[in-house]
Amino acid sequence: NGGTIKQFNAKMAKKARRIGLKDVKVVNAVGLRNGDLKQLRQPKIGKNAENAMSSRDVVILTRYLLKHYPSILHVTSRPQQNFTIASGQVVTADNSNQMLPGKPYVVPNVVIDGLKTGTSDQAGACFVSTGTYQGRRLITVVLGANRNDPGDRFVQTQRLYQYLQTGVRLKTLTLSQLSKWQRGINGRSRSRPRPWRCGSRSKNTRHPHCTRIIARHCLIGGAG
């Protein structure tokens, strides 16, 4: 039982911390702006406030989902699904993931079986994908793609997989090498980056589609 919206938000924030999410703001359960909830609008919260999290946290959340609820892929991998509504009428819903096998944006040698599209005014077109490549489960996150181009979020995802295929080489590490690598990562600066939205410019770098996994705030969409 999620309780009231305020109680739900508190429970979600607690669960997010337990999972390991660091940059999450929960406004409601449906992903709409606070002002769009009308009489259910939360007081003392701006009308334009909405759920937000960093691309890094989206990856962590996706990994948690796939680990604890792997059966979700039985649903997200279906290209379409029939639903029976009133009077026995059957309605067919197409999967919005255009990177599934047989869809227009398939990536060679990568079998994509999920996961979630999302769109909102501030977030733009978003897509979290997952699939297998060379026997390994992969997760990509694209936030802030062009809302006016239905294929843009899938093109950006294609580029991530293509970069993986051409620019990344797998290497087996010994325990001592792994320990040394982890010490190097942990020794880096932990300064907290400032809140940031997709498409904004930092001093030296622009990440127009959030195609790098960075710990900065990026808005995520709530509906297809």
C-alpha atoms as a PDB file:
ATOM      1  CA  ASN A   1       0.000   0.000   0.000  1.00  0.00           C
ATOM      2  CA  GLY A   2       1.587   3.232  -1.156  1.00  0.00           C
ATOM      3  CA  GLY A   3      -0.667   5.416   0.989  1.00  0.00           C
ATOM      4  CA  THR A   4      -1.025   9.080   0.087  1.00  0.00           C
ATOM      5  CA  ILE A   5       1.176  10.743  -2.531  1.00  0.00           C
ATOM      6  CA  LYS A   6       3.330  12.208   0.235  1.00  0.00           C
ATOM      7  CA  GLN A   7       3.682   8.795   1.909  1.00  0.00           C
ATOM      8  CA  PHE A   8       4.465   7.176  -1.425  1.00  0.00           C
ATOM      9  CA  ASN A   9       7.184   9.726  -2.126  1.00  0.00           C
ATOM     10  CA  ALA A  10       8.774   9.038   1.250  1.00  0.00           C
ATOM     11  CA  LYS A  11       8.700   5.283   0.664  1.00  0.00           C
ATOM     12  CA  MET A  12      10.205   5.682  -2.793  1.00  0.00           C
ATOM     13  CA  ALA A  13      12.976   7.923  -1.475  1.00  0.00           C
ATOM     14  CA  LYS A  14      13.793   5.350   1.200  1.00  0.00           C
ATOM     15  CA  LYS A  15      13.805   2.519  -1.342  1.00  0.00           C
ATOM     16  CA  ALA A  16      15.996   4.559  -3.690  1.00  0.00           C
ATOM     17  CA  ARG A  17      18.610   5.033  -0.968  1.00  0.00           C
ATOM     18  CA  ARG A  18      18.514   1.320  -0.184  1.00  0.00           C
ATOM     19  CA  ILE A  19      19.154   0.449  -3.828  1.00  0.00           C
ATOM     20  CA  GLY A  20      22.048   2.898  -3.976  1.00  0.00           C
ATOM     21  CA  LEU A  21      20.551   5.756  -5.981  1.00  0.00           C
ATOM     22  CA  LYS A  22      22.129   9.123  -5.210  1.00  0.00           C
ATOM     23  CA  ASP A  23      20.493  11.722  -7.454  1.00  0.00           C
ATOM     24  CA  VAL A  24      16.741  11.084  -7.296  1.00  0.00           C
ATOM     25  CA  LYS A  25      13.784  13.416  -6.814  1.00  0.00           C
ATOM     26  CA  VAL A  26      10.356  11.815  -6.440  1.00  0.00           C
ATOM     27  CA  VAL A  27       7.304  14.057  -6.854  1.00  0.00           C
ATOM     28  CA  ASN A  28       4.575  11.501  -7.567  1.00  0.00           C
ATOM     29  CA  ALA A  29       3.929   7.946  -8.771  1.00  0.00           C
ATOM     30  CA  VAL A  30       2.828   8.746 -12.323  1.00  0.00           C
ATOM     31  CA  GLY A  31       5.637  10.932 -13.670  1.00  0.00           C
ATOM     32  CA  LEU A  32       3.517  14.004 -14.397  1.00  0.00           C
ATOM     33  CA  ARG A  33       4.411  17.532 -13.344  1.00  0.00           C
ATOM     34  CA  ASN A  34       3.058  18.432  -9.932  1.00  0.00           C
ATOM     35  CA  GLY A  35       0.717  21.034 -11.427  1.00  0.00           C
ATOM     36  CA  ASP A  36      -0.814  18.456 -13.780  1.00  0.00           C
ATOM     37  CA  LEU A  37      -2.212  16.519 -10.811  1.00  0.00           C
ATOM     38  CA  LYS A  38      -4.884  19.196 -10.273  1.00  0.00           C
ATOM     39  CA  GLN A  39      -6.562  18.551  -6.897  1.00  0.00           C
ATOM     40  CA  LEU A  40      -3.894  15.979  -6.032  1.00  0.00           C
ATOM     41  CA  ARG A  41      -1.127  18.554  -6.447  1.00  0.00           C
ATOM     42  CA  GLN A  42       1.331  18.497  -3.553  1.00  0.00           C
ATOM     43  CA  PRO A  43       1.475  21.718  -1.511  1.00  0.00           C
ATOM     44  CA  LYS A  44       4.740  23.571  -1.030  1.00  0.00           C
ATOM     45  CA  ILE A  45       6.090  22.044  -4.257  1.00  0.00           C
ATOM     46  CA  GLY A  46       6.311  24.041  -7.479  1.00  0.00           C
ATOM     47  CA  LYS A  47       3.780  23.261 -10.193  1.00  0.00           C
ATOM     48  CA  ASN A  48       6.552  22.423 -12.666  1.00  0.00           C
ATOM     49  CA  ALA A  49       8.317  20.008 -10.321  1.00  0.00           C
ATOM     50  CA  GLU A  50       8.553  16.434 -11.607  1.00  0.00           C
ATOM     51  CA  ASN A  51      10.447  13.205 -11.029  1.00  0.00           C
ATOM     52  CA  ALA A  52      14.133  13.342 -11.902  1.00  0.00           C
ATOM     53  CA  MET A  53      17.259  11.230 -11.628  1.00  0.00           C
ATOM     54  CA  SER A  54      20.726  11.065 -13.132  1.00  0.00           C
ATOM     55  CA  SER A  55      21.592   8.772 -16.023  1.00  0.00           C
ATOM     56  CA  ARG A  56      23.907   6.883 -13.669  1.00  0.00           C
ATOM     57  CA  ASP A  57      21.032   6.203 -11.285  1.00  0.00           C
ATOM     58  CA  VAL A  58      18.859   5.035 -14.168  1.00  0.00           C
ATOM     59  CA  VAL A  59      21.527   2.425 -14.909  1.00  0.00           C
ATOM     60  CA  ILE A  60      21.696   1.344 -11.250  1.00  0.00           C
ATOM     61  CA  LEU A  61      17.905   1.088 -11.061  1.00  0.00           C
ATOM     62  CA  THR A  62      17.747  -0.906 -14.298  1.00  0.00           C
ATOM     63  CA  ARG A  63      20.420  -3.304 -13.080  1.00  0.00           C
ATOM     64  CA  TYR A  64      18.466  -3.796  -9.840  1.00  0.00           C
ATOM     65  CA  LEU A  65      15.254  -4.454 -11.780  1.00  0.00           C
ATOM     66  CA  LEU A  66      16.867  -7.044 -14.052  1.00  0.00           C
ATOM     67  CA  LYS A  67      18.580  -8.789 -11.157  1.00  0.00           C
ATOM     68  CA  HIS A  68      15.549  -9.087  -8.893  1.00  0.00           C
ATOM     69  CA  TYR A  69      12.756  -9.245 -11.474  1.00  0.00           C
ATOM     70  CA  PRO A  70      14.281 -10.897 -14.589  1.00  0.00           C
ATOM     71  CA  SER A  71      10.854 -12.046 -15.782  1.00  0.00           C
ATOM     72  CA  ILE A  72      10.222  -8.445 -16.861  1.00  0.00           C
ATOM     73  CA  LEU A  73      12.105  -9.311 -20.047  1.00  0.00           C
ATOM     74  CA  HIS A  74       9.400 -11.812 -20.998  1.00  0.00           C
ATOM     75  CA  VAL A  75       7.130  -8.798 -21.327  1.00  0.00           C
ATOM     76  CA  THR A  76       9.472  -6.144 -22.727  1.00  0.00           C
ATOM     77  CA  SER A  77      10.798  -8.456 -25.462  1.00  0.00           C
ATOM     78  CA  ARG A  78       7.365  -8.939 -27.050  1.00  0.00           C
ATOM     79  CA  PRO A  79       6.875  -6.870 -30.226  1.00  0.00           C
ATOM     80  CA  GLN A  80       3.156  -6.624 -29.490  1.00  0.00           C
ATOM     81  CA  GLN A  81       0.554  -7.808 -26.999  1.00  0.00           C
ATOM     82  CA  ASN A  82      -3.166  -8.510 -27.249  1.00  0.00           C
ATOM     83  CA  PHE A  83      -5.480  -7.269 -24.505  1.00  0.00           C
ATOM     84  CA  THR A  84      -9.094  -8.301 -24.033  1.00  0.00           C
ATOM     85  CA  ILE A  85     -11.330  -5.436 -22.934  1.00  0.00           C
ATOM     86  CA  ALA A  86     -15.089  -5.065 -22.411  1.00  0.00           C
ATOM     87  CA  SER A  87     -17.409  -7.372 -24.358  1.00  0.00           C
ATOM     88  CA  GLY A  88     -14.528  -9.618 -25.363  1.00  0.00           C
ATOM     89  CA  GLN A  89     -13.057  -7.071 -27.752  1.00  0.00           C
ATOM     90  CA  VAL A  90      -9.339  -7.629 -28.378  1.00  0.00           C
ATOM     91  CA  VAL A  91      -6.977  -4.676 -28.727  1.00  0.00           C
ATOM     92  CA  THR A  92      -3.404  -5.082 -29.960  1.00  0.00           C
ATOM     93  CA  ALA A  93      -0.722  -2.793 -28.511  1.00  0.00           C
ATOM     94  CA  ASP A  94       2.611  -2.449 -30.309  1.00  0.00           C
ATOM     95  CA  ASN A  95       5.853  -2.253 -28.342  1.00  0.00           C
ATOM     96  CA  SER A  96       7.342   1.251 -28.599  1.00  0.00           C
ATOM     97  CA  ASN A  97      10.881  -0.196 -28.509  1.00  0.00           C
ATOM     98  CA  GLN A  98      12.041   0.101 -32.117  1.00  0.00           C
ATOM     99  CA  MET A  99      15.258  -1.848 -31.485  1.00  0.00           C
ATOM    100  CA  LEU A 100      13.736  -5.266 -30.872  1.00  0.00           C
ATOM    101  CA  PRO A 101      14.499  -8.018 -33.434  1.00  0.00           C
ATOM    102  CA  GLY A 102      12.675  -7.254 -36.658  1.00  0.00           C
ATOM    103  CA  LYS A 103      12.268  -3.554 -35.817  1.00  0.00           C
ATOM    104  CA  PRO A 104      13.855  -0.688 -37.831  1.00  0.00           C
ATOM    105  CA  TYR A 105      16.782   0.127 -35.502  1.00  0.00           C
ATOM    106  CA  VAL A 106      18.282  -3.315 -34.859  1.00  0.00           C
ATOM    107  CA  VAL A 107      22.002  -3.320 -34.026  1.00  0.00           C
ATOM    108  CA  PRO A 108      24.023  -6.132 -35.660  1.00  0.00           C
ATOM    109  CA  ASN A 109      25.240  -8.796 -33.190  1.00  0.00           C
ATOM    110  CA  VAL A 110      23.251  -7.246 -30.324  1.00  0.00           C
ATOM    111  CA  VAL A 111      20.008  -8.893 -29.222  1.00  0.00           C
ATOM    112  CA  ILE A 112      17.902  -6.232 -27.512  1.00  0.00           C
ATOM    113  CA  ASP A 113      15.006  -7.418 -25.356  1.00  0.00           C
ATOM    114  CA  GLY A 114      13.995  -4.284 -23.402  1.00  0.00           C
ATOM    115  CA  LEU A 115      13.349  -1.985 -21.781  1.00  0.00           C
ATOM    116  CA  LYS A 116      11.557   1.398 -21.514  1.00  0.00           C
ATOM    117  CA  THR A 117      10.766   4.478 -23.575  1.00  0.00           C
ATOM    118  CA  GLY A 118       9.658   7.727 -21.985  1.00  0.00           C
ATOM    119  CA  THR A 119       8.860  11.287 -23.041  1.00  0.00           C
ATOM    120  CA  SER A 120       8.083  14.560 -21.294  1.00  0.00           C
ATOM    121  CA  ASP A 121       8.396  18.252 -22.129  1.00  0.00           C
ATOM    122  CA  GLN A 122      11.525  18.779 -20.025  1.00  0.00           C
ATOM    123  CA  ALA A 123      13.086  15.346 -20.410  1.00  0.00           C
ATOM    124  CA  GLY A 124      12.668  15.073 -24.156  1.00  0.00           C
ATOM    125  CA  ALA A 125      12.577  11.605 -25.702  1.00  0.00           C
ATOM    126  CA  CYS A 126      14.271   9.006 -23.482  1.00  0.00           C
ATOM    127  CA  PHE A 127      15.129   5.352 -23.858  1.00  0.00           C
ATOM    128  CA  VAL A 128      16.628   2.752 -21.549  1.00  0.00           C
ATOM    129  CA  SER A 129      17.717  -0.301 -23.498  1.00  0.00           C
ATOM    130  CA  THR A 130      19.096  -3.651 -22.479  1.00  0.00           C
ATOM    131  CA  GLY A 131      20.330  -6.576 -24.505  1.00  0.00           C
ATOM    132  CA  THR A 132      23.085  -9.135 -24.886  1.00  0.00           C
ATOM    133  CA  TYR A 133      26.352  -8.839 -26.782  1.00  0.00           C
ATOM    134  CA  GLN A 134      28.977 -11.589 -26.808  1.00  0.00           C
ATOM    135  CA  GLY A 135      27.178 -13.277 -23.935  1.00  0.00           C
ATOM    136  CA  ARG A 136      27.087 -10.198 -21.716  1.00  0.00           C
ATOM    137  CA  ARG A 137      24.064  -8.231 -20.525  1.00  0.00           C
ATOM    138  CA  LEU A 138      24.321  -4.533 -21.430  1.00  0.00           C
ATOM    139  CA  ILE A 139      22.367  -1.453 -20.372  1.00  0.00           C
ATOM    140  CA  THR A 140      22.288   1.920 -22.151  1.00  0.00           C
ATOM    141  CA  VAL A 141      20.562   5.169 -21.221  1.00  0.00           C
ATOM    142  CA  VAL A 142      19.687   8.024 -23.563  1.00  0.00           C
ATOM    143  CA  LEU A 143      17.983  11.106 -22.119  1.00  0.00           C
ATOM    144  CA  GLY A 144      16.969  14.344 -23.816  1.00  0.00           C
ATOM    145  CA  ALA A 145      16.774  13.150 -27.415  1.00  0.00           C
ATOM    146  CA  ASN A 146      14.789  15.098 -30.010  1.00  0.00           C
ATOM    147  CA  ARG A 147      11.052  14.802 -29.212  1.00  0.00           C
ATOM    148  CA  ASN A 148      10.147  15.835 -32.756  1.00  0.00           C
ATOM    149  CA  ASP A 149      12.111  12.980 -34.309  1.00  0.00           C
ATOM    150  CA  PRO A 150      10.579   9.616 -33.294  1.00  0.00           C
ATOM    151  CA  GLY A 151      13.758   7.751 -34.199  1.00  0.00           C
ATOM    152  CA  ASP A 152      16.357   9.998 -32.572  1.00  0.00           C
ATOM    153  CA  ARG A 153      16.532   8.183 -29.199  1.00  0.00           C
ATOM    154  CA  PHE A 154      17.062   4.889 -31.029  1.00  0.00           C
ATOM    155  CA  VAL A 155      19.755   6.360 -33.293  1.00  0.00           C
ATOM    156  CA  GLN A 156      21.602   7.647 -30.220  1.00  0.00           C
ATOM    157  CA  THR A 157      21.313   4.194 -28.630  1.00  0.00           C
ATOM    158  CA  GLN A 158      22.661   2.606 -31.798  1.00  0.00           C
ATOM    159  CA  ARG A 159      25.711   4.856 -31.524  1.00  0.00           C
ATOM    160  CA  LEU A 160      26.364   3.667 -27.986  1.00  0.00           C
ATOM    161  CA  TYR A 161      26.317   0.036 -29.059  1.00  0.00           C
ATOM    162  CA  GLN A 162      28.459   0.805 -32.101  1.00  0.00           C
ATOM    163  CA  TYR A 163      30.986   2.556 -29.876  1.00  0.00           C
ATOM    164  CA  LEU A 164      31.046  -0.496 -27.636  1.00  0.00           C
ATOM    165  CA  GLN A 165      31.704  -2.763 -30.589  1.00  0.00           C
ATOM    166  CA  THR A 166      34.477  -0.651 -32.078  1.00  0.00           C
ATOM    167  CA  GLY A 167      35.983   1.298 -29.184  1.00  0.00           C
ATOM    168  CA  VAL A 168      35.888  -1.044 -26.204  1.00  0.00           C
ATOM    169  CA  ARG A 169      37.989  -4.152 -25.683  1.00  0.00           C
ATOM    170  CA  LEU A 170      37.209  -6.724 -23.004  1.00  0.00           C
ATOM    171  CA  LYS A 171      40.091  -7.641 -20.739  1.00  0.00           C
ATOM    172  CA  THR A 172      40.344 -10.249 -18.005  1.00  0.00           C
ATOM    173  CA  LEU A 173      41.892  -8.913 -14.785  1.00  0.00           C
ATOM    174  CA  THR A 174      43.611 -10.810 -12.023  1.00  0.00           C
ATOM    175  CA  LEU A 175      42.486 -10.124  -8.465  1.00  0.00           C
ATOM    176  CA  SER A 176      45.535  -7.943  -7.840  1.00  0.00           C
ATOM    177  CA  GLN A 177      44.930  -5.961 -11.034  1.00  0.00           C
ATOM    178  CA  LEU A 178      41.271  -5.516 -10.115  1.00  0.00           C
ATOM    179  CA  SER A 179      42.206  -4.300  -6.644  1.00  0.00           C
ATOM    180  CA  LYS A 180      44.655  -1.798  -8.108  1.00  0.00           C
ATOM    181  CA  TRP A 181      42.056  -0.551 -10.585  1.00  0.00           C
ATOM    182  CA  GLN A 182      39.461  -0.114  -7.827  1.00  0.00           C
ATOM    183  CA  ARG A 183      41.928   1.846  -5.694  1.00  0.00           C
ATOM    184  CA  GLY A 184      42.527   4.124  -8.650  1.00  0.00           C
ATOM    185  CA  ILE A 185      38.790   4.716  -9.116  1.00  0.00           C
ATOM    186  CA  ASN A 186      38.208   5.339  -5.416  1.00  0.00           C
ATOM    187  CA  GLY A 187      41.092   7.749  -5.274  1.00  0.00           C
ATOM    188  CA  ARG A 188      39.578  10.123  -7.812  1.00  0.00           C
ATOM    189  CA  SER A 189      37.885  13.352  -6.841  1.00  0.00           C
ATOM    190  CA  ARG A 190      34.432  12.828  -5.346  1.00  0.00           C
ATOM    191  CA  SER A 191      33.291  16.431  -5.692  1.00  0.00           C
ATOM    192  CA  ARG A 192      29.558  16.502  -6.317  1.00  0.00           C
ATOM    193  CA  PRO A 193      28.648  17.900  -9.729  1.00  0.00           C
ATOM    194  CA  ARG A 194      26.081  20.630  -9.998  1.00  0.00           C
ATOM    195  CA  PRO A 195      22.545  19.834 -11.174  1.00  0.00           C
ATOM    196  CA  TRP A 196      22.473  19.666 -14.951  1.00  0.00           C
ATOM    197  CA  ARG A 197      19.968  18.904 -17.670  1.00  0.00           C
ATOM    198  CA  CYS A 198      20.517  17.264 -21.023  1.00  0.00           C
ATOM    199  CA  GLY A 199      21.510  19.720 -23.732  1.00  0.00           C
ATOM    200  CA  SER A 200      23.147  22.224 -21.387  1.00  0.00           C
ATOM    201  CA  ARG A 201      26.792  23.110 -21.791  1.00  0.00           C
ATOM    202  CA  SER A 202      29.483  22.708 -19.190  1.00  0.00           C
ATOM    203  CA  LYS A 203      32.683  24.721 -19.414  1.00  0.00           C
ATOM    204  CA  ASN A 204      34.464  22.347 -21.773  1.00  0.00           C
ATOM    205  CA  THR A 205      32.081  19.585 -22.817  1.00  0.00           C
ATOM    206  CA  ARG A 206      28.587  19.188 -24.186  1.00  0.00           C
ATOM    207  CA  HIS A 207      26.554  16.001 -23.738  1.00  0.00           C
ATOM    208  CA  PRO A 208      23.497  16.698 -25.935  1.00  0.00           C
ATOM    209  CA  HIS A 209      21.951  13.254 -25.534  1.00  0.00           C
ATOM    210  CA  CYS A 210      23.441  12.185 -22.219  1.00  0.00           C
ATOM    211  CA  THR A 211      25.243   9.334 -23.982  1.00  0.00           C
ATOM    212  CA  ARG A 212      27.916   9.170 -21.312  1.00  0.00           C
ATOM    213  CA  ILE A 213      27.219   7.696 -17.912  1.00  0.00           C
ATOM    214  CA  ILE A 214      27.706  10.709 -15.677  1.00  0.00           C
ATOM    215  CA  ALA A 215      26.497  11.524 -12.185  1.00  0.00           C
ATOM    216  CA  ARG A 216      24.648  14.701 -13.065  1.00  0.00           C
ATOM    217  CA  HIS A 217      20.942  15.432 -12.949  1.00  0.00           C
ATOM    218  CA  CYS A 218      19.023  14.516 -16.093  1.00  0.00           C
ATOM    219  CA  LEU A 219      15.244  14.443 -16.295  1.00  0.00           C
ATOM    220  CA  ILE A 220      13.528  11.199 -17.256  1.00  0.00           C
ATOM    221  CA  GLY A 221      10.172  10.838 -18.945  1.00  0.00           C
ATOM    222  CA  GLY A 222       7.210   9.134 -17.349  1.00  0.00           C
ATOM    223  CA  ALA A 223       5.175   7.869 -20.308  1.00  0.00           C
ATOM    224  CA  GLY A 224       5.866   6.331 -23.695  1.00  0.00           C
END
